[in-house]
Amino acid sequence: MCRLVMGNKTQALQEISSAASLCRQCPRLLTTHGPQLHTLLGLYSMSMDCMEEAAAQFLAALNVSC
């Protein structure tokens, strides 16, 4: 999130991708951190002015956390 706030979108996306890869390797991590990953992707989408995709990620975060 800090990378997005600072405007480092490329690095932010790389770090989100790395986190997602780690979580895919361990299903428990994906269960516990899935909503955060969706939220980060939603924030990234917003920073790229892709509001429909952002909304989809935020909804996914809500659905995964329930």
C-alpha atoms as a PDB file:
ATOM      1  CA  MET A   1       0.000   0.000   0.000  1.00  0.00           C
ATOM      2  CA  CYS A   2       2.883   2.358   0.746  1.00  0.00           C
ATOM      3  CA  ARG A   3       4.189   1.889  -2.799  1.00  0.00           C
ATOM      4  CA  LEU A   4       0.808   2.917  -4.193  1.00  0.00           C
ATOM      5  CA  VAL A   5       0.593   5.970  -1.944  1.00  0.00           C
ATOM      6  CA  MET A   6       4.085   7.022  -2.997  1.00  0.00           C
ATOM      7  CA  GLY A   7       3.180   6.584  -6.676  1.00  0.00           C
ATOM      8  CA  ASN A   8       5.414   3.555  -7.279  1.00  0.00           C
ATOM      9  CA  LYS A   9       2.743   1.593  -9.119  1.00  0.00           C
ATOM     10  CA  THR A  10       5.083  -0.797 -10.918  1.00  0.00           C
ATOM     11  CA  GLN A  11       6.862  -1.794  -7.735  1.00  0.00           C
ATOM     12  CA  ALA A  12       3.533  -2.053  -5.913  1.00  0.00           C
ATOM     13  CA  LEU A  13       2.188  -4.470  -8.513  1.00  0.00           C
ATOM     14  CA  GLN A  14       5.380  -6.544  -8.351  1.00  0.00           C
ATOM     15  CA  GLU A  15       5.117  -6.797  -4.573  1.00  0.00           C
ATOM     16  CA  ILE A  16       1.415  -7.680  -4.722  1.00  0.00           C
ATOM     17  CA  SER A  17       2.279 -10.382  -7.238  1.00  0.00           C
ATOM     18  CA  SER A  18       5.038 -11.726  -4.967  1.00  0.00           C
ATOM     19  CA  ALA A  19       2.655 -11.815  -2.009  1.00  0.00           C
ATOM     20  CA  ALA A  20       0.042 -13.626  -4.088  1.00  0.00           C
ATOM     21  CA  SER A  21       2.630 -16.192  -5.198  1.00  0.00           C
ATOM     22  CA  LEU A  22       3.634 -16.858  -1.604  1.00  0.00           C
ATOM     23  CA  CYS A  23       0.011 -17.232  -0.586  1.00  0.00           C
ATOM     24  CA  ARG A  24      -0.700 -19.683  -3.416  1.00  0.00           C
ATOM     25  CA  GLN A  25       2.135 -21.885  -2.149  1.00  0.00           C
ATOM     26  CA  CYS A  26       0.500 -22.178   1.269  1.00  0.00           C
ATOM     27  CA  PRO A  27      -3.308 -22.461   1.227  1.00  0.00           C
ATOM     28  CA  ARG A  28      -3.545 -21.284   4.839  1.00  0.00           C
ATOM     29  CA  LEU A  29      -1.859 -17.986   3.904  1.00  0.00           C
ATOM     30  CA  LEU A  30      -4.281 -17.542   1.038  1.00  0.00           C
ATOM     31  CA  THR A  31      -7.178 -18.098   3.426  1.00  0.00           C
ATOM     32  CA  THR A  32      -5.883 -15.614   5.984  1.00  0.00           C
ATOM     33  CA  HIS A  33      -4.528 -12.979   3.577  1.00  0.00           C
ATOM     34  CA  GLY A  34      -6.839 -13.301   0.568  1.00  0.00           C
ATOM     35  CA  PRO A  35      -8.975 -10.285   1.505  1.00  0.00           C
ATOM     36  CA  GLN A  36      -5.872  -8.112   1.868  1.00  0.00           C
ATOM     37  CA  LEU A  37      -4.637  -9.161  -1.568  1.00  0.00           C
ATOM     38  CA  HIS A  38      -7.991  -8.295  -3.136  1.00  0.00           C
ATOM     39  CA  THR A  39      -7.972  -4.942  -1.339  1.00  0.00           C
ATOM     40  CA  LEU A  40      -4.472  -4.151  -2.601  1.00  0.00           C
ATOM     41  CA  LEU A  41      -5.511  -5.083  -6.131  1.00  0.00           C
ATOM     42  CA  GLY A  42      -8.553  -2.850  -5.748  1.00  0.00           C
ATOM     43  CA  LEU A  43      -6.379   0.059  -4.633  1.00  0.00           C
ATOM     44  CA  TYR A  44      -4.009  -0.564  -7.526  1.00  0.00           C
ATOM     45  CA  SER A  45      -6.960  -0.637  -9.948  1.00  0.00           C
ATOM     46  CA  MET A  46      -8.196   2.660  -8.538  1.00  0.00           C
ATOM     47  CA  SER A  47      -4.752   4.198  -8.994  1.00  0.00           C
ATOM     48  CA  MET A  48      -4.908   3.141 -12.657  1.00  0.00           C
ATOM     49  CA  ASP A  49      -8.409   4.652 -12.985  1.00  0.00           C
ATOM     50  CA  CYS A  50     -10.036   1.242 -13.516  1.00  0.00           C
ATOM     51  CA  MET A  51     -12.990   1.733 -11.217  1.00  0.00           C
ATOM     52  CA  GLU A  52     -15.077  -1.273 -12.318  1.00  0.00           C
ATOM     53  CA  GLU A  53     -12.145  -3.607 -11.729  1.00  0.00           C
ATOM     54  CA  ALA A  54     -11.482  -1.932  -8.381  1.00  0.00           C
ATOM     55  CA  ALA A  55     -15.080  -2.449  -7.316  1.00  0.00           C
ATOM     56  CA  ALA A  56     -14.864  -6.116  -8.324  1.00  0.00           C
ATOM     57  CA  GLN A  57     -11.741  -6.576  -6.193  1.00  0.00           C
ATOM     58  CA  PHE A  58     -13.331  -4.859  -3.193  1.00  0.00           C
ATOM     59  CA  LEU A  59     -16.411  -7.071  -3.521  1.00  0.00           C
ATOM     60  CA  ALA A  60     -14.159 -10.128  -3.761  1.00  0.00           C
ATOM     61  CA  ALA A  61     -12.407  -9.012  -0.567  1.00  0.00           C
ATOM     62  CA  LEU A  62     -15.750  -8.816   1.200  1.00  0.00           C
ATOM     63  CA  ASN A  63     -16.887 -12.190  -0.134  1.00  0.00           C
ATOM     64  CA  VAL A  64     -13.652 -13.933   0.833  1.00  0.00           C
ATOM     65  CA  SER A  65     -13.695 -12.504   4.343  1.00  0.00           C
ATOM     66  CA  CYS A  66     -17.261 -13.600   5.118  1.00  0.00           C
END
